[in-house]
Amino acid sequence: MCLAIPMKIKAIDGFVAKCEAKGVERDVSLFMLQDEELSVNDHVMVHVGYAIQKMTEEEARSSWELFDQILAETEPVDA
């Protein structure tokens, strides 16, 4: 199973963006979205270090709400 994570662009330098999600920053390649108009504060879906899709802030927030729900339901319960 593959998983892509929504991240917010904090800075752009050529085809590399500094992105952030949940306090974690990563350098992300924008090469696959070179035909998209991307700016600081845009949200992108990131998979294995590559931005693969531009998304709205609402879509990113909705995705994180689902991820948080899944994590909360899969955390071990103290016996």
N, C-alpha and C. Protein backbone atom coordinates (compact mmCIF):
# COMPACT_ATOMS: atom_id res chain seq x y z
N MET A 1 0.84 -1.18 0.00
CA MET A 1 0.00 0.00 0.00
C MET A 1 0.89 1.24 0.00
N CYS A 2 0.52 2.21 -0.79
CA CYS A 2 1.25 3.47 -0.86
C CYS A 2 0.45 4.54 -0.13
N LEU A 3 1.16 5.47 0.45
CA LEU A 3 0.51 6.54 1.19
C LEU A 3 1.16 7.86 0.83
N ALA A 4 0.33 8.83 0.51
CA ALA A 4 0.82 10.19 0.25
C ALA A 4 0.33 11.08 1.38
N ILE A 5 1.14 12.06 1.73
CA ILE A 5 0.87 12.92 2.88
C ILE A 5 0.68 14.36 2.40
N PRO A 6 -0.37 15.04 2.86
CA PRO A 6 -0.53 16.44 2.51
C PRO A 6 0.48 17.30 3.29
N MET A 7 1.12 18.19 2.57
CA MET A 7 2.09 19.09 3.20
C MET A 7 1.91 20.50 2.66
N LYS A 8 2.32 21.47 3.47
CA LYS A 8 2.22 22.88 3.11
C LYS A 8 3.59 23.38 2.67
N ILE A 9 3.64 24.08 1.54
CA ILE A 9 4.89 24.63 1.03
C ILE A 9 5.28 25.85 1.86
N LYS A 10 6.51 25.82 2.41
CA LYS A 10 7.02 26.93 3.21
C LYS A 10 8.01 27.79 2.41
N ALA A 11 8.72 27.18 1.46
CA ALA A 11 9.69 27.91 0.62
C ALA A 11 9.91 27.10 -0.65
N ILE A 12 10.25 27.81 -1.72
CA ILE A 12 10.51 27.16 -3.01
C ILE A 12 11.84 27.66 -3.55
N ASP A 13 12.68 26.70 -4.01
CA ASP A 13 13.95 27.02 -4.63
C ASP A 13 14.07 26.13 -5.87
N GLY A 14 13.70 26.67 -7.02
CA GLY A 14 13.71 25.88 -8.26
C GLY A 14 12.65 24.80 -8.19
N PHE A 15 13.11 23.54 -8.32
CA PHE A 15 12.19 22.40 -8.27
C PHE A 15 12.19 21.72 -6.91
N VAL A 16 12.68 22.42 -5.88
CA VAL A 16 12.69 21.87 -4.52
C VAL A 16 11.92 22.81 -3.60
N ALA A 17 11.03 22.22 -2.80
CA ALA A 17 10.26 23.01 -1.85
C ALA A 17 10.53 22.51 -0.44
N LYS A 18 10.62 23.43 0.50
CA LYS A 18 10.65 23.09 1.92
C LYS A 18 9.18 23.00 2.31
N CYS A 19 8.75 21.80 2.73
CA CYS A 19 7.35 21.58 3.08
C CYS A 19 7.23 21.17 4.54
N GLU A 20 6.04 21.42 5.11
CA GLU A 20 5.81 21.13 6.52
C GLU A 20 4.46 20.46 6.71
N ALA A 21 4.43 19.51 7.64
CA ALA A 21 3.18 18.87 8.05
C ALA A 21 3.35 18.39 9.49
N LYS A 22 2.43 18.80 10.34
CA LYS A 22 2.44 18.36 11.74
C LYS A 22 3.77 18.65 12.43
N GLY A 23 4.40 19.78 12.07
CA GLY A 23 5.66 20.17 12.70
C GLY A 23 6.90 19.53 12.10
N VAL A 24 6.74 18.68 11.11
CA VAL A 24 7.87 18.01 10.46
C VAL A 24 8.12 18.68 9.12
N GLU A 25 9.39 19.07 8.88
CA GLU A 25 9.75 19.70 7.61
C GLU A 25 10.56 18.73 6.75
N ARG A 26 10.33 18.78 5.46
CA ARG A 26 11.04 17.95 4.50
C ARG A 26 11.30 18.75 3.23
N ASP A 27 12.41 18.42 2.56
CA ASP A 27 12.64 18.94 1.22
C ASP A 27 11.89 18.02 0.26
N VAL A 28 11.11 18.61 -0.63
CA VAL A 28 10.24 17.85 -1.53
C VAL A 28 10.52 18.28 -2.97
N SER A 29 10.64 17.31 -3.86
CA SER A 29 10.83 17.61 -5.27
C SER A 29 9.51 18.05 -5.90
N LEU A 30 9.58 19.14 -6.65
CA LEU A 30 8.41 19.64 -7.38
C LEU A 30 8.47 19.24 -8.85
N PHE A 31 9.43 18.42 -9.22
CA PHE A 31 9.67 18.08 -10.62
C PHE A 31 8.42 17.53 -11.31
N MET A 32 7.66 16.70 -10.62
CA MET A 32 6.48 16.09 -11.24
C MET A 32 5.34 17.08 -11.43
N LEU A 33 5.42 18.23 -10.78
CA LEU A 33 4.38 19.25 -10.91
C LEU A 33 4.92 20.51 -11.60
N GLN A 34 5.92 20.34 -12.45
CA GLN A 34 6.55 21.51 -13.06
C GLN A 34 5.62 22.32 -13.95
N ASP A 35 4.50 21.74 -14.38
CA ASP A 35 3.54 22.47 -15.18
C ASP A 35 2.46 23.16 -14.33
N GLU A 36 2.49 22.92 -13.01
CA GLU A 36 1.54 23.55 -12.08
C GLU A 36 2.12 24.88 -11.59
N GLU A 37 1.24 25.81 -11.31
CA GLU A 37 1.67 27.07 -10.69
C GLU A 37 1.62 26.87 -9.18
N LEU A 38 2.79 26.78 -8.55
CA LEU A 38 2.88 26.54 -7.12
C LEU A 38 3.49 27.74 -6.42
N SER A 39 2.98 28.03 -5.23
CA SER A 39 3.46 29.17 -4.45
C SER A 39 3.60 28.76 -2.99
N VAL A 40 4.33 29.58 -2.24
CA VAL A 40 4.42 29.40 -0.80
C VAL A 40 3.00 29.43 -0.22
N ASN A 41 2.74 28.56 0.74
CA ASN A 41 1.45 28.36 1.41
C ASN A 41 0.48 27.47 0.63
N ASP A 42 0.84 27.03 -0.58
CA ASP A 42 0.03 26.03 -1.27
C ASP A 42 0.22 24.69 -0.57
N HIS A 43 -0.73 23.79 -0.79
CA HIS A 43 -0.66 22.45 -0.25
C HIS A 43 -0.45 21.45 -1.38
N VAL A 44 0.38 20.45 -1.11
CA VAL A 44 0.65 19.41 -2.10
C VAL A 44 0.58 18.05 -1.42
N MET A 45 0.25 17.04 -2.20
CA MET A 45 0.27 15.66 -1.73
C MET A 45 1.67 15.12 -2.03
N VAL A 46 2.35 14.58 -1.00
CA VAL A 46 3.74 14.16 -1.14
C VAL A 46 3.85 12.65 -0.96
N HIS A 47 4.54 12.02 -1.90
CA HIS A 47 4.79 10.58 -1.85
C HIS A 47 6.26 10.33 -2.14
N VAL A 48 6.94 9.65 -1.24
CA VAL A 48 8.37 9.33 -1.32
C VAL A 48 9.22 10.52 -1.79
N GLY A 49 8.96 11.68 -1.23
CA GLY A 49 9.78 12.85 -1.51
C GLY A 49 9.39 13.66 -2.73
N TYR A 50 8.32 13.27 -3.41
CA TYR A 50 7.86 13.98 -4.60
C TYR A 50 6.46 14.54 -4.38
N ALA A 51 6.27 15.80 -4.74
CA ALA A 51 4.91 16.36 -4.76
C ALA A 51 4.22 15.78 -6.00
N ILE A 52 3.09 15.13 -5.77
CA ILE A 52 2.42 14.46 -6.90
C ILE A 52 1.09 15.11 -7.27
N GLN A 53 0.61 16.01 -6.42
CA GLN A 53 -0.68 16.65 -6.71
C GLN A 53 -0.82 17.91 -5.87
N LYS A 54 -1.31 18.97 -6.50
CA LYS A 54 -1.65 20.18 -5.76
C LYS A 54 -3.04 19.98 -5.17
N MET A 55 -3.26 20.49 -3.97
CA MET A 55 -4.55 20.34 -3.32
C MET A 55 -4.92 21.61 -2.58
N THR A 56 -6.19 21.73 -2.25
CA THR A 56 -6.65 22.90 -1.50
C THR A 56 -6.33 22.71 -0.02
N GLU A 57 -6.37 23.81 0.72
CA GLU A 57 -6.15 23.73 2.16
C GLU A 57 -7.23 22.86 2.81
N GLU A 58 -8.45 22.97 2.32
CA GLU A 58 -9.56 22.17 2.85
C GLU A 58 -9.33 20.68 2.62
N GLU A 59 -8.85 20.31 1.43
CA GLU A 59 -8.56 18.90 1.14
C GLU A 59 -7.45 18.38 2.05
N ALA A 60 -6.42 19.20 2.27
CA ALA A 60 -5.32 18.80 3.15
C ALA A 60 -5.83 18.61 4.58
N ARG A 61 -6.62 19.54 5.06
CA ARG A 61 -7.16 19.45 6.42
C ARG A 61 -8.04 18.20 6.57
N SER A 62 -8.87 17.94 5.59
CA SER A 62 -9.74 16.76 5.62
C SER A 62 -8.92 15.47 5.65
N SER A 63 -7.86 15.42 4.86
CA SER A 63 -6.99 14.24 4.86
C SER A 63 -6.36 14.02 6.22
N TRP A 64 -5.86 15.11 6.82
CA TRP A 64 -5.23 14.96 8.14
C TRP A 64 -6.24 14.56 9.20
N GLU A 65 -7.47 15.03 9.10
CA GLU A 65 -8.50 14.61 10.05
C GLU A 65 -8.73 13.10 9.95
N LEU A 66 -8.75 12.59 8.73
CA LEU A 66 -8.92 11.14 8.54
C LEU A 66 -7.72 10.36 9.07
N PHE A 67 -6.50 10.84 8.78
CA PHE A 67 -5.30 10.18 9.30
C PHE A 67 -5.31 10.17 10.83
N ASP A 68 -5.65 11.30 11.44
CA ASP A 68 -5.70 11.38 12.90
C ASP A 68 -6.73 10.41 13.48
N GLN A 69 -7.87 10.29 12.82
CA GLN A 69 -8.92 9.37 13.26
C GLN A 69 -8.42 7.92 13.19
N ILE A 70 -7.77 7.58 12.09
CA ILE A 70 -7.25 6.22 11.92
C ILE A 70 -6.21 5.93 13.01
N LEU A 71 -5.30 6.87 13.23
CA LEU A 71 -4.27 6.66 14.25
C LEU A 71 -4.87 6.50 15.63
N ALA A 72 -5.88 7.31 15.95
CA ALA A 72 -6.52 7.23 17.26
C ALA A 72 -7.18 5.87 17.46
N GLU A 73 -7.75 5.32 16.41
CA GLU A 73 -8.44 4.04 16.52
C GLU A 73 -7.52 2.83 16.50
N THR A 74 -6.28 3.03 16.07
CA THR A 74 -5.34 1.90 16.01
C THR A 74 -4.32 1.93 17.14
N GLU A 75 -4.36 2.94 18.01
CA GLU A 75 -3.44 2.99 19.13
C GLU A 75 -3.78 1.88 20.10
N PRO A 76 -2.74 1.22 20.65
CA PRO A 76 -3.02 0.13 21.60
C PRO A 76 -3.70 0.66 22.86
N VAL A 77 -4.59 -0.15 23.38
CA VAL A 77 -5.30 0.18 24.60
C VAL A 77 -4.54 -0.45 25.77
N ASP A 78 -4.30 0.33 26.83
CA ASP A 78 -3.61 -0.21 28.01
C ASP A 78 -4.47 -1.30 28.65
N ALA A 79 -3.80 -2.40 28.98
CA ALA A 79 -4.53 -3.54 29.59
C ALA A 79 -4.62 -3.40 31.09
